[in-house]
Amino acid sequence: MESAVIAKGLEIWSLQTLLDISLLTGLVAMGLVLAQPYYRSLKNYLTLRVSVEIWDLVTVVLADIFLVLTVLIGFLVLNPDIMADIKIAVPFIPLAILLFATAMVLRLMYDGHRPNGKHFKDVLWLMFVANLLNVIGFSLVMEAPGSEYLETHPSAFWFFVKTYFRSNSLPHGLEVAQWTFYLTFPILMVVFFWGFVRAMKTFNKLKA
């Protein structure tokens, strides 16, 4: 019995830590994209053609890696069981996952990685709004003042936020989490399907 409690505690801690890491990777991905003009200016200090090409590749691929990692972790935690176990700011975090996933498809499948590309600014705006939702959800919901603070500093606002917008708060937070899942998960699947169809069309063009 005790070992089961410890195992469950480790599972919850691991998932919560993974979610927190994804909030940081989302910020890093946007920062790397925003810094593209800075990276291009640094190319003037590279003399070898090979080093210039490697520099261009690394600065683009790093942002893609962090973006994909953010989406994958988001997909992992966006399910009813995990949402009931760990504190997820609903609907903020799930909506951010949707926006990150859309940005990923545009960036990888619609030439959204080039600064002069058609969808580069669209990707930036999607990532900006997604990170804004994550910051609001993390600061105001997930890391809202604890019970010790509220005992000496009662606040109707913080009580309301922790009761209704934390996915593991019973019963209201769990109800909001369930409805958030019902709305966001099907849309996320549509985004993934959209990206898959676009990738298959690109493969067919390459074969032609």
Protein backbone atom coordinates (compact mmCIF):
# COMPACT_ATOMS: atom_id res chain seq x y z
CA MET A 1 0.00 0.00 0.00
CA GLU A 2 2.77 2.40 0.95
CA SER A 3 4.75 1.57 -2.19
CA ALA A 4 1.67 2.30 -4.32
CA VAL A 5 1.30 5.72 -2.68
CA ILE A 6 4.98 6.48 -3.31
CA ALA A 7 4.72 5.34 -6.93
CA LYS A 8 1.65 7.53 -7.47
CA GLY A 9 3.41 10.49 -5.86
CA LEU A 10 6.42 10.02 -8.15
CA GLU A 11 4.15 9.78 -11.16
CA ILE A 12 2.37 13.01 -10.28
CA TRP A 13 5.66 14.80 -9.56
CA SER A 14 7.16 13.64 -12.85
CA LEU A 15 4.14 14.71 -14.89
CA GLN A 16 3.92 18.08 -13.14
CA THR A 17 7.63 18.70 -13.73
CA LEU A 18 7.28 17.69 -17.38
CA LEU A 19 4.42 20.14 -17.84
CA ASP A 20 6.43 22.93 -16.19
CA ILE A 21 9.35 22.17 -18.51
CA SER A 22 7.04 22.45 -21.53
CA LEU A 23 6.04 25.96 -20.42
CA LEU A 24 9.72 26.92 -20.53
CA THR A 25 10.39 25.22 -23.87
CA GLY A 26 7.50 27.18 -25.38
CA LEU A 27 9.11 30.43 -24.26
CA VAL A 28 12.52 29.32 -25.51
CA ALA A 29 11.08 28.35 -28.91
CA MET A 30 9.49 31.78 -29.33
CA GLY A 31 12.68 33.48 -28.19
CA LEU A 32 14.74 31.58 -30.76
CA VAL A 33 12.32 32.57 -33.51
CA LEU A 34 12.33 36.21 -32.43
CA ALA A 35 16.13 36.21 -32.42
CA GLN A 36 16.42 35.22 -36.10
CA PRO A 37 17.53 38.73 -37.20
CA TYR A 38 20.22 38.66 -34.51
CA TYR A 39 21.44 35.27 -35.69
CA ARG A 40 21.60 36.52 -39.27
CA SER A 41 23.73 39.47 -38.19
CA LEU A 42 26.18 37.12 -36.50
CA LYS A 43 26.77 35.31 -39.79
CA ASN A 44 29.05 38.18 -40.82
CA TYR A 45 31.61 36.88 -38.32
CA LEU A 46 31.67 33.41 -39.88
CA THR A 47 34.25 33.02 -42.62
CA LEU A 48 33.86 29.44 -43.82
CA ARG A 49 30.90 28.61 -46.05
CA VAL A 50 30.36 25.33 -44.19
CA SER A 51 30.19 27.13 -40.84
CA VAL A 52 27.61 29.57 -42.26
CA GLU A 53 25.42 26.72 -43.47
CA ILE A 54 25.71 24.90 -40.14
CA TRP A 55 24.85 28.12 -38.31
CA ASP A 56 21.72 28.64 -40.41
CA LEU A 57 20.66 25.04 -39.83
CA VAL A 58 21.23 25.05 -36.08
CA THR A 59 19.45 28.35 -35.40
CA VAL A 60 16.35 27.16 -37.27
CA VAL A 61 16.31 23.55 -36.11
CA LEU A 62 16.73 24.45 -32.43
CA ALA A 63 13.53 26.48 -32.48
CA ASP A 64 11.73 23.62 -34.24
CA ILE A 65 12.97 21.08 -31.70
CA PHE A 66 11.73 23.13 -28.73
CA LEU A 67 8.41 23.78 -30.47
CA VAL A 68 7.84 20.10 -31.25
CA LEU A 69 8.83 19.16 -27.69
CA THR A 70 6.30 21.63 -26.32
CA VAL A 71 3.52 20.17 -28.47
CA LEU A 72 4.40 16.56 -27.61
CA ILE A 73 4.37 17.21 -23.86
CA GLY A 74 1.12 19.11 -24.26
CA PHE A 75 -0.43 16.17 -26.06
CA LEU A 76 0.79 13.86 -23.29
CA VAL A 77 -0.86 15.80 -20.46
CA LEU A 78 -4.05 16.64 -22.35
CA ASN A 79 -6.10 13.68 -21.18
CA PRO A 80 -8.71 13.30 -18.42
CA ASP A 81 -6.67 11.03 -16.13
CA ILE A 82 -3.57 13.23 -15.99
CA MET A 83 -5.63 16.41 -15.80
CA ALA A 84 -7.29 14.99 -12.69
CA ASP A 85 -3.93 14.12 -11.10
CA ILE A 86 -1.87 17.28 -11.62
CA LYS A 87 -2.68 20.97 -11.51
CA ILE A 88 -3.23 22.28 -15.02
CA ALA A 89 -4.64 25.73 -15.62
CA VAL A 90 -7.83 25.20 -17.61
CA PRO A 91 -8.67 26.30 -20.18
CA PHE A 92 -5.42 28.29 -20.52
CA ILE A 93 -2.86 25.48 -20.94
CA PRO A 94 -4.98 23.31 -23.31
CA LEU A 95 -5.72 26.34 -25.51
CA ALA A 96 -2.01 27.16 -25.59
CA ILE A 97 -1.29 23.59 -26.70
CA LEU A 98 -3.69 24.04 -29.62
CA LEU A 99 -1.98 27.27 -30.67
CA PHE A 100 1.49 25.73 -30.40
CA ALA A 101 0.34 22.75 -32.50
CA THR A 102 -1.05 25.08 -35.18
CA ALA A 103 2.20 27.07 -35.15
CA MET A 104 4.15 23.82 -35.54
CA VAL A 105 2.18 22.80 -38.62
CA LEU A 106 2.59 26.22 -40.23
CA ARG A 107 6.28 26.34 -39.41
CA LEU A 108 7.14 22.83 -40.57
CA MET A 109 4.66 22.27 -43.39
CA TYR A 110 3.96 25.75 -44.79
CA ASP A 111 7.44 27.28 -44.94
CA GLY A 112 6.82 29.23 -41.76
CA HIS A 113 10.43 29.01 -40.64
CA ARG A 114 11.82 31.61 -43.09
CA PRO A 115 11.69 35.26 -41.90
CA ASN A 116 10.46 36.30 -45.35
CA GLY A 117 8.04 33.39 -45.56
CA LYS A 118 4.29 33.88 -45.89
CA HIS A 119 3.44 32.39 -42.48
CA PHE A 120 6.43 33.48 -40.42
CA LYS A 121 4.52 36.28 -38.65
CA ASP A 122 1.49 34.02 -38.21
CA VAL A 123 3.70 31.53 -36.39
CA LEU A 124 5.12 34.27 -34.19
CA TRP A 125 1.67 35.55 -33.23
CA LEU A 126 0.42 32.05 -32.45
CA MET A 127 3.44 31.36 -30.26
CA PHE A 128 3.10 34.73 -28.55
CA VAL A 129 -0.56 34.20 -27.63
CA ALA A 130 0.16 30.61 -26.57
CA ASN A 131 2.96 31.73 -24.27
CA LEU A 132 0.77 34.50 -22.90
CA LEU A 133 -1.91 31.94 -22.02
CA ASN A 134 0.74 29.73 -20.40
CA VAL A 135 2.14 32.59 -18.34
CA ILE A 136 -1.34 33.60 -17.15
CA GLY A 137 -2.27 30.00 -16.37
CA PHE A 138 0.99 29.27 -14.55
CA SER A 139 1.22 32.50 -12.53
CA LEU A 140 -2.44 33.08 -11.69
CA VAL A 141 -3.80 29.53 -11.47
CA MET A 142 -1.20 26.81 -11.08
CA GLU A 143 0.99 28.82 -8.72
CA ALA A 144 -1.73 30.83 -7.00
CA PRO A 145 -1.20 31.59 -3.28
CA GLY A 146 -1.28 28.47 -1.12
CA SER A 147 -3.71 27.61 1.64
CA GLU A 148 -1.29 28.87 4.32
CA TYR A 149 -1.30 32.33 2.76
CA LEU A 150 -5.05 32.39 2.22
CA GLU A 151 -5.69 31.48 5.87
CA THR A 152 -4.19 34.78 6.95
CA HIS A 153 -5.00 36.74 3.77
CA PRO A 154 -8.46 35.61 2.57
CA SER A 155 -9.18 36.46 -1.05
CA ALA A 156 -12.35 35.69 -3.00
CA PHE A 157 -10.43 36.04 -6.28
CA TRP A 158 -7.72 33.49 -5.42
CA PHE A 159 -10.28 31.11 -3.93
CA PHE A 160 -12.36 31.30 -7.12
CA VAL A 161 -9.33 30.80 -9.39
CA LYS A 162 -8.01 27.80 -7.45
CA THR A 163 -11.47 26.22 -7.19
CA TYR A 164 -12.63 26.54 -10.79
CA PHE A 165 -9.53 26.76 -12.99
CA ARG A 166 -7.23 24.09 -11.53
CA SER A 167 -7.89 20.81 -13.27
CA ASN A 168 -7.40 18.72 -10.11
CA SER A 169 -9.70 20.78 -7.89
CA LEU A 170 -12.81 18.85 -6.89
CA PRO A 171 -15.49 19.06 -8.03
CA HIS A 172 -15.57 22.31 -10.03
CA GLY A 173 -12.04 22.30 -11.41
CA LEU A 174 -12.43 18.74 -12.65
CA GLU A 175 -15.70 19.64 -14.36
CA VAL A 176 -14.06 22.57 -16.17
CA ALA A 177 -11.16 20.28 -17.11
CA GLN A 178 -13.53 17.70 -18.58
CA TRP A 179 -15.34 20.24 -20.72
CA THR A 180 -12.01 21.74 -21.78
CA PHE A 181 -10.84 18.29 -22.87
CA TYR A 182 -14.05 17.61 -24.82
CA LEU A 183 -13.57 20.86 -26.75
CA THR A 184 -9.81 21.01 -27.27
CA PHE A 185 -8.79 17.39 -27.85
CA PRO A 186 -10.89 16.88 -31.02
CA ILE A 187 -9.52 20.16 -32.41
CA LEU A 188 -5.99 19.02 -31.61
CA MET A 189 -6.62 15.80 -33.53
CA VAL A 190 -7.86 17.86 -36.50
CA VAL A 191 -4.66 19.93 -36.39
CA PHE A 192 -2.53 16.77 -36.35
CA PHE A 193 -4.55 15.34 -39.26
CA TRP A 194 -4.15 18.62 -41.15
CA GLY A 195 -0.39 18.45 -40.68
CA PHE A 196 -0.32 14.80 -41.79
CA VAL A 197 -2.31 15.52 -44.96
CA ARG A 198 -0.05 18.45 -45.79
CA ALA A 199 3.06 16.31 -45.26
CA MET A 200 1.69 13.57 -47.53
CA LYS A 201 0.97 16.13 -50.27
CA THR A 202 4.54 17.39 -49.97
CA PHE A 203 5.90 13.85 -50.31
CA ASN A 204 3.79 13.27 -53.42
CA LYS A 205 5.15 16.45 -55.00
CA LEU A 206 8.72 15.36 -54.30
CA LYS A 207 8.09 12.00 -56.00
CA ALA A 208 6.54 13.61 -59.07
